[in-house]
Amino acid sequence: MKAAPRKHSAGALVRLVGLGKAFDGEVILRDVSLTVEPGELVGVIGPSGCGKTTLLKLVAGLAAPTEGKVEFGGGPTRRESLSFVFQDATLLPWLTVLDNVALPLKIAGAPRREREAKALAHIERVGLADATRLYPRQLSGGMKMRVSVARSMTVDPTLLLLDEPFGALDEMTRDTLNEELLRLRQAARWTAMFVTHSVAEAVFLASKVIVLGARPSHIAHAIDVPLGYPRSAATRERSEYVERVVTVTRALHSVQA
């Protein structure tokens, strides 16, 4: 299923226009164009080393494109509020769960009472109300990623970028966190772009899956996932889900051949 050219919508949240990136003369990404509409969850998969993480960093402004541009909210200079959830939880070991989650608000200058109240609300939403006074060394891998997700929510992001945050977890924990992430999304309605190596995870979370080809990477396939939201564990048993997993798997294999 080849990607078809997409018309840029006036209401698009993010537009990638002819985006390219090279490191030390080696082209990683070339001519990546994509429109992300408000409310979409866009999964990004592809062969190892094809530039998936680089793509997210370009969107986040953590790296500058070699060519092309990233536009937000209809203009090249207006960047919507966004949060980035990295592969590692990146928690500060000397801070408690509460203080780690409240950190973005502290940096922004929010009063202590306000930032702690907001942090507590998000900690409760990820199921860690009893862990607020614990330190990262006292947490399991799944708990650390819950803290990282809660922290990303404190700034009320319009756009959430996730770089395979659940990749190091066992399958059962990953599935549970995927379900929790979608429950959070039902409440807050943010837009997301996320990288994963798991086709099953991509299909479960995404409204659209982008398959990058090998270097220099481009969008080889753009596959819609018309499963609707909300989704739950039962979604994985639906024939439509299984069929879409097969479709995305074949698309991924086609760019690895």
Protein backbone atom coordinates (compact mmCIF):
# COMPACT_ATOMS: atom_id res chain seq x y z
CA MET A 1 0.00 0.00 0.00
CA LYS A 2 1.96 2.95 -1.28
CA ALA A 3 1.76 6.36 0.29
CA ALA A 4 -0.36 8.74 -1.75
CA PRO A 5 0.45 12.45 -1.92
CA ARG A 6 -1.50 14.28 0.76
CA LYS A 7 -2.95 17.73 0.43
CA HIS A 8 -1.96 20.03 3.26
CA SER A 9 -5.00 20.80 5.37
CA ALA A 10 -5.44 24.30 6.69
CA GLY A 11 -6.16 22.80 10.10
CA ALA A 12 -3.08 20.59 10.21
CA LEU A 13 -1.24 20.52 13.53
CA VAL A 14 2.12 19.51 12.03
CA ARG A 15 3.41 19.55 8.46
CA LEU A 16 6.67 17.99 7.37
CA VAL A 17 7.60 19.48 4.01
CA GLY A 18 10.39 17.85 1.99
CA LEU A 19 12.22 17.06 5.22
CA GLY A 20 15.77 15.74 5.00
CA LYS A 21 18.63 15.12 7.38
CA ALA A 22 22.27 14.19 6.85
CA PHE A 23 25.03 13.46 9.37
CA ASP A 24 28.66 13.82 8.29
CA GLY A 25 27.64 13.65 4.66
CA GLU A 26 25.48 10.53 5.04
CA VAL A 27 21.82 11.13 4.17
CA ILE A 28 19.53 9.61 6.80
CA LEU A 29 16.17 11.05 5.75
CA ARG A 30 15.21 12.41 2.34
CA ASP A 31 12.08 14.19 1.10
CA VAL A 32 9.80 13.22 4.00
CA SER A 33 6.45 14.98 3.66
CA LEU A 34 3.62 14.30 6.07
CA THR A 35 0.55 16.03 7.46
CA VAL A 36 -0.56 15.29 11.03
CA GLU A 37 -4.09 16.41 11.82
CA PRO A 38 -5.29 17.31 15.32
CA GLY A 39 -6.23 14.17 17.24
CA GLU A 40 -4.27 11.76 15.07
CA LEU A 41 -1.94 9.15 16.54
CA VAL A 42 0.77 8.48 13.97
CA GLY A 43 2.95 5.41 14.41
CA VAL A 44 6.40 5.37 12.79
CA ILE A 45 8.06 2.04 12.05
CA GLY A 46 10.87 0.89 9.79
CA PRO A 47 14.15 -1.02 9.69
CA SER A 48 16.70 -0.40 12.44
CA GLY A 49 18.78 2.67 11.75
CA CYS A 50 16.40 4.14 9.18
CA GLY A 51 16.00 7.43 11.05
CA LYS A 52 12.82 6.98 13.09
CA THR A 53 14.22 8.68 16.19
CA THR A 54 15.86 11.35 14.03
CA LEU A 55 12.45 12.14 12.56
CA LEU A 56 10.96 12.73 16.01
CA LYS A 57 13.91 14.90 17.01
CA LEU A 58 13.40 17.05 13.91
CA VAL A 59 9.75 17.53 14.84
CA ALA A 60 10.70 18.37 18.44
CA GLY A 61 13.35 20.87 17.37
CA LEU A 62 16.09 18.80 19.02
CA ALA A 63 17.84 18.60 15.63
CA ALA A 64 17.82 20.89 12.61
CA PRO A 65 16.84 19.59 9.17
CA THR A 66 19.37 19.63 6.37
CA GLU A 67 16.56 20.39 3.94
CA GLY A 68 12.85 21.04 4.09
CA LYS A 69 10.97 22.29 7.12
CA VAL A 70 8.62 21.47 9.97
CA GLU A 71 5.53 23.68 10.31
CA PHE A 72 3.22 23.91 13.31
CA GLY A 73 -0.32 25.18 13.44
CA GLY A 74 -0.33 26.56 9.93
CA GLY A 75 2.92 28.54 10.06
CA PRO A 76 6.67 27.90 10.06
CA THR A 77 7.36 29.83 13.28
CA ARG A 78 4.53 28.85 15.62
CA ARG A 79 5.44 25.71 17.61
CA GLU A 80 2.62 24.17 19.58
CA SER A 81 3.21 22.90 23.10
CA LEU A 82 4.75 19.45 22.96
CA SER A 83 6.22 16.81 25.24
CA PHE A 84 8.84 14.18 24.40
CA VAL A 85 8.87 10.76 26.08
CA PHE A 86 12.25 9.12 25.48
CA GLN A 87 13.27 5.47 25.28
CA ASP A 88 14.64 5.69 28.80
CA ALA A 89 12.54 7.17 31.59
CA THR A 90 15.26 9.85 32.21
CA LEU A 91 14.19 10.36 35.82
CA LEU A 92 16.43 12.28 38.20
CA PRO A 93 17.54 9.70 40.80
CA TRP A 94 17.71 12.18 43.68
CA LEU A 95 14.08 13.30 43.22
CA THR A 96 10.95 11.47 44.34
CA VAL A 97 8.22 10.43 41.92
CA LEU A 98 6.26 13.55 42.87
CA ASP A 99 9.21 15.88 42.32
CA ASN A 100 10.16 14.22 39.03
CA VAL A 101 6.65 14.65 37.66
CA ALA A 102 6.44 18.24 38.91
CA LEU A 103 9.84 19.18 37.46
CA PRO A 104 8.62 20.76 34.17
CA LEU A 105 6.26 22.99 36.17
CA LYS A 106 9.04 23.96 38.55
CA ILE A 107 11.25 24.92 35.62
CA ALA A 108 8.35 26.97 34.25
CA GLY A 109 8.13 28.86 37.55
CA ALA A 110 4.80 27.49 38.79
CA PRO A 111 4.19 27.92 42.55
CA ARG A 112 4.93 24.84 44.62
CA ARG A 113 1.34 24.17 45.69
CA GLU A 114 0.08 24.45 42.11
CA ARG A 115 2.75 22.21 40.60
CA GLU A 116 2.40 19.53 43.30
CA ALA A 117 -1.39 19.43 42.94
CA LYS A 118 -1.13 19.04 39.18
CA ALA A 119 1.63 16.45 39.46
CA LEU A 120 -0.40 14.43 41.96
CA ALA A 121 -3.39 14.41 39.61
CA HIS A 122 -1.31 12.99 36.77
CA ILE A 123 0.41 10.47 39.04
CA GLU A 124 -3.01 9.20 40.07
CA ARG A 125 -4.07 8.91 36.42
CA VAL A 126 -1.15 6.54 35.69
CA GLY A 127 -1.94 4.43 38.74
CA LEU A 128 0.94 5.44 41.00
CA ALA A 129 -0.88 7.30 43.78
CA ASP A 130 0.87 5.14 46.41
CA ALA A 131 4.35 5.78 44.98
CA THR A 132 4.66 9.57 45.19
CA ARG A 133 7.42 9.48 47.83
CA LEU A 134 9.44 6.69 46.24
CA TYR A 135 12.70 7.25 44.36
CA PRO A 136 13.49 5.88 40.87
CA ARG A 137 15.71 3.13 42.32
CA GLN A 138 12.62 1.76 44.09
CA LEU A 139 10.55 1.46 40.91
CA SER A 140 10.15 -1.27 38.32
CA GLY A 141 10.74 -0.50 34.64
CA GLY A 142 7.02 -0.21 34.00
CA MET A 143 6.56 2.15 36.94
CA LYS A 144 9.40 4.36 35.71
CA MET A 145 7.78 4.71 32.31
CA ARG A 146 4.46 5.57 33.98
CA VAL A 147 6.27 8.36 35.82
CA SER A 148 7.81 9.57 32.56
CA VAL A 149 4.40 9.64 30.86
CA ALA A 150 2.84 11.46 33.84
CA ARG A 151 5.61 14.04 33.71
CA SER A 152 4.99 14.63 30.00
CA MET A 153 1.32 15.34 30.72
CA THR A 154 1.92 18.11 33.26
CA VAL A 155 2.48 20.70 30.51
CA ASP A 156 -0.87 19.84 28.85
CA PRO A 157 0.78 18.99 25.53
CA THR A 158 -0.91 19.56 22.22
CA LEU A 159 1.56 17.14 20.64
CA LEU A 160 3.09 14.13 22.38
CA LEU A 161 6.21 12.55 20.87
CA LEU A 162 7.14 9.07 22.09
CA ASP A 163 10.38 7.36 21.12
CA GLU A 164 9.66 3.68 21.84
CA PRO A 165 9.21 4.24 25.59
CA PHE A 166 7.86 0.72 26.19
CA GLY A 167 10.39 -1.16 24.05
CA ALA A 168 12.42 -2.58 26.95
CA LEU A 169 9.39 -3.91 28.82
CA ASP A 170 7.89 -7.39 28.73
CA GLU A 171 4.95 -7.91 26.40
CA MET A 172 2.29 -8.01 29.12
CA THR A 173 3.49 -4.77 30.72
CA ARG A 174 3.78 -3.12 27.32
CA ASP A 175 0.20 -4.07 26.42
CA THR A 176 -1.07 -2.72 29.74
CA LEU A 177 0.76 0.58 29.30
CA ASN A 178 -0.53 0.90 25.74
CA GLU A 179 -4.07 0.58 27.07
CA GLU A 180 -3.36 3.12 29.81
CA LEU A 181 -1.88 5.54 27.30
CA LEU A 182 -5.05 5.43 25.21
CA ARG A 183 -7.17 5.99 28.32
CA LEU A 184 -5.12 9.12 29.03
CA ARG A 185 -5.61 10.21 25.45
CA GLN A 186 -9.39 9.84 25.74
CA ALA A 187 -9.32 12.33 28.61
CA ALA A 188 -6.90 14.89 27.17
CA ARG A 189 -7.28 14.46 23.38
CA TRP A 190 -3.67 15.23 22.47
CA THR A 191 -2.12 14.39 19.12
CA ALA A 192 0.84 11.99 19.03
CA MET A 193 3.68 10.73 16.90
CA PHE A 194 5.42 7.63 18.22
CA VAL A 195 8.25 5.34 17.19
CA THR A 196 8.04 1.61 17.75
CA HIS A 197 9.63 -1.60 16.49
CA SER A 198 6.44 -3.52 17.29
CA VAL A 199 3.88 -3.79 14.51
CA ALA A 200 1.25 -4.95 17.02
CA GLU A 201 1.85 -1.88 19.18
CA ALA A 202 1.78 0.43 16.16
CA VAL A 203 -1.58 -0.91 15.00
CA PHE A 204 -3.09 -0.92 18.48
CA LEU A 205 -2.22 2.72 19.19
CA ALA A 206 -2.23 4.44 15.82
CA SER A 207 -4.85 5.95 13.59
CA LYS A 208 -2.19 5.89 10.85
CA VAL A 209 1.07 3.95 10.52
CA ILE A 210 4.00 5.37 8.55
CA VAL A 211 6.55 2.86 7.27
CA LEU A 212 9.99 4.31 6.55
CA GLY A 213 12.23 2.66 3.99
CA ALA A 214 15.93 1.93 4.33
CA ARG A 215 18.46 4.78 4.16
CA PRO A 216 18.13 7.32 2.79
CA SER A 217 14.71 6.93 4.35
CA HIS A 218 11.45 8.19 2.94
CA ILE A 219 7.82 7.32 3.60
CA ALA A 220 7.38 4.05 1.72
CA HIS A 221 3.87 3.28 3.00
CA ALA A 222 1.13 5.20 4.82
CA ILE A 223 -1.48 2.84 6.21
CA ASP A 224 -4.68 3.97 7.90
CA VAL A 225 -5.92 2.01 10.93
CA PRO A 226 -9.73 2.41 10.89
CA LEU A 227 -10.43 0.73 14.23
CA GLY A 228 -11.85 3.77 15.99
CA TYR A 229 -11.38 4.83 19.60
CA PRO A 230 -11.61 4.01 22.44
CA ARG A 231 -9.65 0.77 22.18
CA SER A 232 -9.11 -1.88 24.83
CA ALA A 233 -7.53 -5.30 25.29
CA ALA A 234 -10.51 -6.72 23.38
CA THR A 235 -9.45 -4.73 20.31
CA ARG A 236 -6.55 -7.16 19.80
CA GLU A 237 -9.04 -9.98 19.28
CA ARG A 238 -10.94 -8.24 16.48
CA SER A 239 -10.45 -9.56 12.96
CA GLU A 240 -9.93 -6.00 11.68
CA TYR A 241 -7.00 -5.56 14.06
CA VAL A 242 -5.39 -8.85 13.05
CA GLU A 243 -5.82 -8.04 9.36
CA ARG A 244 -4.22 -4.62 9.79
CA VAL A 245 -1.28 -6.18 11.65
CA VAL A 246 -0.75 -8.48 8.66
CA THR A 247 -0.94 -5.52 6.26
CA VAL A 248 1.61 -3.46 8.18
CA THR A 249 3.89 -6.48 8.64
CA ARG A 250 3.94 -7.08 4.88
CA ALA A 251 4.67 -3.41 4.25
CA LEU A 252 7.58 -3.53 6.70
CA HIS A 253 8.96 -6.67 5.09
CA SER A 254 8.75 -5.04 1.68
CA VAL A 255 11.16 -2.26 2.69
CA GLN A 256 13.56 -4.74 4.32
CA ALA A 257 13.81 -6.98 1.25
